[in-house]
Amino acid sequence: MNQPGQTFEVKLVAHQIAEPGLYGLQFTLHFDPSRIQIGAVNFHSNLSLVAQQAIENNLGQLTVTASQQGAIPGLTGDITLATIILAATQNEGVTTLNLDNVIAGAGDGSRLGVSTQAEFSFTISR
């Protein structure tokens, strides 16, 4: 449970990434802007090329495209890809984060299979 005005983190984690590993990703996160606002997004240090990071708090949407750079191995195993810093507004109630348009790719440009937990809910209350 989060309180109005409280800042908190949500981590976007990929589990059991196999070889050839993850080289880049894109996703869209939807949220209720009357209940939460995004303050920042911090990426895994290897995802240093951020082609798109559009925080649209008025629309309730975050759009991201990020990748590694250079001839380095893809990320494998369990990896925190991004940490999203959120702030609860003064409006109490249950709110949901919805993740969609998720695409993950290997260094050769091929797509990696992705299954996601597309929805996450939490409560804002005093």
C-alpha atoms as a PDB file:
ATOM      1  CA  MET A   1       0.000   0.000   0.000  1.00  0.00           C
ATOM      2  CA  ASN A   2       1.280   3.455  -0.887  1.00  0.00           C
ATOM      3  CA  GLN A   3       0.257   6.755   0.679  1.00  0.00           C
ATOM      4  CA  PRO A   4      -0.720   9.890  -1.242  1.00  0.00           C
ATOM      5  CA  GLY A   5       2.401  11.891  -2.091  1.00  0.00           C
ATOM      6  CA  GLN A   6       4.699   8.901  -1.499  1.00  0.00           C
ATOM      7  CA  THR A   7       7.443   8.079  -4.001  1.00  0.00           C
ATOM      8  CA  PHE A   8       8.069   4.405  -4.782  1.00  0.00           C
ATOM      9  CA  GLU A   9       9.786   2.143  -7.331  1.00  0.00           C
ATOM     10  CA  VAL A  10       8.529  -0.479  -9.745  1.00  0.00           C
ATOM     11  CA  LYS A  11      11.131  -2.764 -11.301  1.00  0.00           C
ATOM     12  CA  LEU A  12      10.799  -4.225 -14.786  1.00  0.00           C
ATOM     13  CA  VAL A  13      12.540  -7.591 -14.479  1.00  0.00           C
ATOM     14  CA  ALA A  14      13.259 -10.209 -17.143  1.00  0.00           C
ATOM     15  CA  HIS A  15      13.670 -13.769 -15.876  1.00  0.00           C
ATOM     16  CA  GLN A  16      15.641 -16.652 -17.323  1.00  0.00           C
ATOM     17  CA  ILE A  17      16.943 -14.882 -20.425  1.00  0.00           C
ATOM     18  CA  ALA A  18      18.795 -17.537 -22.418  1.00  0.00           C
ATOM     19  CA  GLU A  19      21.587 -17.178 -24.975  1.00  0.00           C
ATOM     20  CA  PRO A  20      22.012 -15.272 -27.244  1.00  0.00           C
ATOM     21  CA  GLY A  21      20.722 -12.851 -24.615  1.00  0.00           C
ATOM     22  CA  LEU A  22      18.785  -9.615 -24.694  1.00  0.00           C
ATOM     23  CA  TYR A  23      20.370  -6.717 -26.577  1.00  0.00           C
ATOM     24  CA  GLY A  24      17.451  -4.283 -26.762  1.00  0.00           C
ATOM     25  CA  LEU A  25      13.829  -3.797 -25.815  1.00  0.00           C
ATOM     26  CA  GLN A  26      10.819  -1.610 -26.223  1.00  0.00           C
ATOM     27  CA  PHE A  27       7.601  -1.361 -24.246  1.00  0.00           C
ATOM     28  CA  THR A  28       4.705   0.876 -23.331  1.00  0.00           C
ATOM     29  CA  LEU A  29       3.457   1.237 -19.766  1.00  0.00           C
ATOM     30  CA  HIS A  30      -0.033   2.645 -19.187  1.00  0.00           C
ATOM     31  CA  PHE A  31      -1.176   4.085 -15.863  1.00  0.00           C
ATOM     32  CA  ASP A  32      -3.895   6.237 -14.326  1.00  0.00           C
ATOM     33  CA  PRO A  33      -2.430   9.761 -14.252  1.00  0.00           C
ATOM     34  CA  SER A  34      -4.985  10.850 -11.658  1.00  0.00           C
ATOM     35  CA  ARG A  35      -3.423   8.367  -9.173  1.00  0.00           C
ATOM     36  CA  ILE A  36       0.292   8.193 -10.094  1.00  0.00           C
ATOM     37  CA  GLN A  37       2.928  10.133 -12.005  1.00  0.00           C
ATOM     38  CA  ILE A  38       6.286   8.915 -13.331  1.00  0.00           C
ATOM     39  CA  GLY A  39       9.283  10.870 -12.097  1.00  0.00           C
ATOM     40  CA  ALA A  40      12.142   8.987 -13.745  1.00  0.00           C
ATOM     41  CA  VAL A  41      13.244   5.763 -15.421  1.00  0.00           C
ATOM     42  CA  ASN A  42      16.634   4.232 -14.615  1.00  0.00           C
ATOM     43  CA  PHE A  43      17.876   1.567 -17.032  1.00  0.00           C
ATOM     44  CA  HIS A  44      20.232  -1.370 -16.569  1.00  0.00           C
ATOM     45  CA  SER A  45      23.740   0.041 -17.089  1.00  0.00           C
ATOM     46  CA  ASN A  46      24.242  -2.051 -20.259  1.00  0.00           C
ATOM     47  CA  LEU A  47      21.133  -0.516 -21.857  1.00  0.00           C
ATOM     48  CA  SER A  48      23.014   2.704 -22.466  1.00  0.00           C
ATOM     49  CA  LEU A  49      21.467   3.681 -25.808  1.00  0.00           C
ATOM     50  CA  VAL A  50      18.021   5.053 -24.973  1.00  0.00           C
ATOM     51  CA  ALA A  51      16.433   5.903 -28.306  1.00  0.00           C
ATOM     52  CA  GLN A  52      13.054   6.780 -26.796  1.00  0.00           C
ATOM     53  CA  GLN A  53      11.950   7.588 -23.279  1.00  0.00           C
ATOM     54  CA  ALA A  54       8.650   9.423 -23.487  1.00  0.00           C
ATOM     55  CA  ILE A  55       7.091  10.071 -20.086  1.00  0.00           C
ATOM     56  CA  GLU A  56       3.609  11.415 -20.800  1.00  0.00           C
ATOM     57  CA  ASN A  57       2.135  11.927 -17.342  1.00  0.00           C
ATOM     58  CA  ASN A  58      -0.843  13.837 -18.731  1.00  0.00           C
ATOM     59  CA  LEU A  59      -1.793  10.799 -20.896  1.00  0.00           C
ATOM     60  CA  GLY A  60      -0.789   8.127 -18.397  1.00  0.00           C
ATOM     61  CA  GLN A  61       1.805   6.539 -20.648  1.00  0.00           C
ATOM     62  CA  LEU A  62       5.514   5.719 -20.712  1.00  0.00           C
ATOM     63  CA  THR A  63       7.079   4.584 -24.006  1.00  0.00           C
ATOM     64  CA  VAL A  64      10.620   3.205 -24.051  1.00  0.00           C
ATOM     65  CA  THR A  65      13.095   1.919 -26.632  1.00  0.00           C
ATOM     66  CA  ALA A  66      16.577   1.077 -25.300  1.00  0.00           C
ATOM     67  CA  SER A  67      19.503  -1.122 -26.280  1.00  0.00           C
ATOM     68  CA  GLN A  68      23.097  -1.990 -25.637  1.00  0.00           C
ATOM     69  CA  GLN A  69      25.879  -0.527 -27.783  1.00  0.00           C
ATOM     70  CA  GLY A  70      28.832  -2.181 -29.455  1.00  0.00           C
ATOM     71  CA  ALA A  71      29.925  -5.768 -29.839  1.00  0.00           C
ATOM     72  CA  ILE A  72      29.107  -7.022 -26.351  1.00  0.00           C
ATOM     73  CA  PRO A  73      27.236 -10.145 -25.224  1.00  0.00           C
ATOM     74  CA  GLY A  74      23.500  -9.967 -24.659  1.00  0.00           C
ATOM     75  CA  LEU A  75      22.110  -9.879 -21.139  1.00  0.00           C
ATOM     76  CA  THR A  76      21.277 -13.326 -19.759  1.00  0.00           C
ATOM     77  CA  GLY A  77      19.748 -14.738 -16.584  1.00  0.00           C
ATOM     78  CA  ASP A  78      17.470 -12.667 -14.322  1.00  0.00           C
ATOM     79  CA  ILE A  79      17.943  -8.975 -15.088  1.00  0.00           C
ATOM     80  CA  THR A  80      16.369  -5.776 -13.787  1.00  0.00           C
ATOM     81  CA  LEU A  81      15.956  -3.950 -17.083  1.00  0.00           C
ATOM     82  CA  ALA A  82      14.531  -0.721 -15.678  1.00  0.00           C
ATOM     83  CA  THR A  83      13.512   0.849 -12.392  1.00  0.00           C
ATOM     84  CA  ILE A  84      10.588   3.238 -12.711  1.00  0.00           C
ATOM     85  CA  ILE A  85      10.246   5.936 -10.051  1.00  0.00           C
ATOM     86  CA  LEU A  86       6.582   6.751  -9.370  1.00  0.00           C
ATOM     87  CA  ALA A  87       4.826   9.225  -7.129  1.00  0.00           C
ATOM     88  CA  ALA A  88       1.319   8.689  -5.786  1.00  0.00           C
ATOM     89  CA  THR A  89      -0.966  11.678  -6.259  1.00  0.00           C
ATOM     90  CA  GLN A  90      -3.393  12.828  -3.579  1.00  0.00           C
ATOM     91  CA  ASN A  91      -6.166  10.673  -5.099  1.00  0.00           C
ATOM     92  CA  GLU A  92      -6.726   7.499  -3.117  1.00  0.00           C
ATOM     93  CA  GLY A  93      -7.871   4.179  -4.581  1.00  0.00           C
ATOM     94  CA  VAL A  94      -6.752   1.134  -6.516  1.00  0.00           C
ATOM     95  CA  THR A  95      -4.675   1.766  -9.611  1.00  0.00           C
ATOM     96  CA  THR A  96      -3.221  -0.518 -12.256  1.00  0.00           C
ATOM     97  CA  LEU A  97      -0.088  -0.521 -14.394  1.00  0.00           C
ATOM     98  CA  ASN A  98      -0.537  -2.164 -17.808  1.00  0.00           C
ATOM     99  CA  LEU A  99       2.458  -3.259 -19.859  1.00  0.00           C
ATOM    100  CA  ASP A 100       2.077  -3.805 -23.609  1.00  0.00           C
ATOM    101  CA  ASN A 101       3.872  -3.542 -26.950  1.00  0.00           C
ATOM    102  CA  VAL A 102       6.771  -5.462 -25.393  1.00  0.00           C
ATOM    103  CA  ILE A 103       9.464  -6.421 -27.899  1.00  0.00           C
ATOM    104  CA  ALA A 104      12.860  -7.829 -26.926  1.00  0.00           C
ATOM    105  CA  GLY A 105      15.674  -8.465 -29.350  1.00  0.00           C
ATOM    106  CA  ALA A 106      19.033 -10.189 -29.604  1.00  0.00           C
ATOM    107  CA  GLY A 107      22.221  -8.598 -30.930  1.00  0.00           C
ATOM    108  CA  ASP A 108      21.624 -10.006 -34.428  1.00  0.00           C
ATOM    109  CA  GLY A 109      18.233  -8.259 -34.621  1.00  0.00           C
ATOM    110  CA  SER A 110      16.141 -11.386 -34.081  1.00  0.00           C
ATOM    111  CA  ARG A 111      13.186 -11.203 -31.722  1.00  0.00           C
ATOM    112  CA  LEU A 112      13.247 -12.990 -28.402  1.00  0.00           C
ATOM    113  CA  GLY A 113      10.143 -14.772 -27.140  1.00  0.00           C
ATOM    114  CA  VAL A 114       8.463 -12.717 -24.427  1.00  0.00           C
ATOM    115  CA  SER A 115       5.727 -13.527 -21.963  1.00  0.00           C
ATOM    116  CA  THR A 116       4.720 -10.769 -19.597  1.00  0.00           C
ATOM    117  CA  GLN A 117       2.733 -10.150 -16.473  1.00  0.00           C
ATOM    118  CA  ALA A 118       0.780  -7.488 -18.293  1.00  0.00           C
ATOM    119  CA  GLU A 119      -1.059  -5.994 -15.332  1.00  0.00           C
ATOM    120  CA  PHE A 120      -0.097  -4.997 -11.807  1.00  0.00           C
ATOM    121  CA  SER A 121      -2.437  -3.339  -9.293  1.00  0.00           C
ATOM    122  CA  PHE A 122      -1.801  -1.546  -6.016  1.00  0.00           C
ATOM    123  CA  THR A 123      -3.668   0.694  -3.589  1.00  0.00           C
ATOM    124  CA  ILE A 124      -3.089   4.308  -2.622  1.00  0.00           C
ATOM    125  CA  SER A 125      -4.529   5.048   0.808  1.00  0.00           C
ATOM    126  CA  ARG A 126      -3.919   7.224   3.850  1.00  0.00           C
END
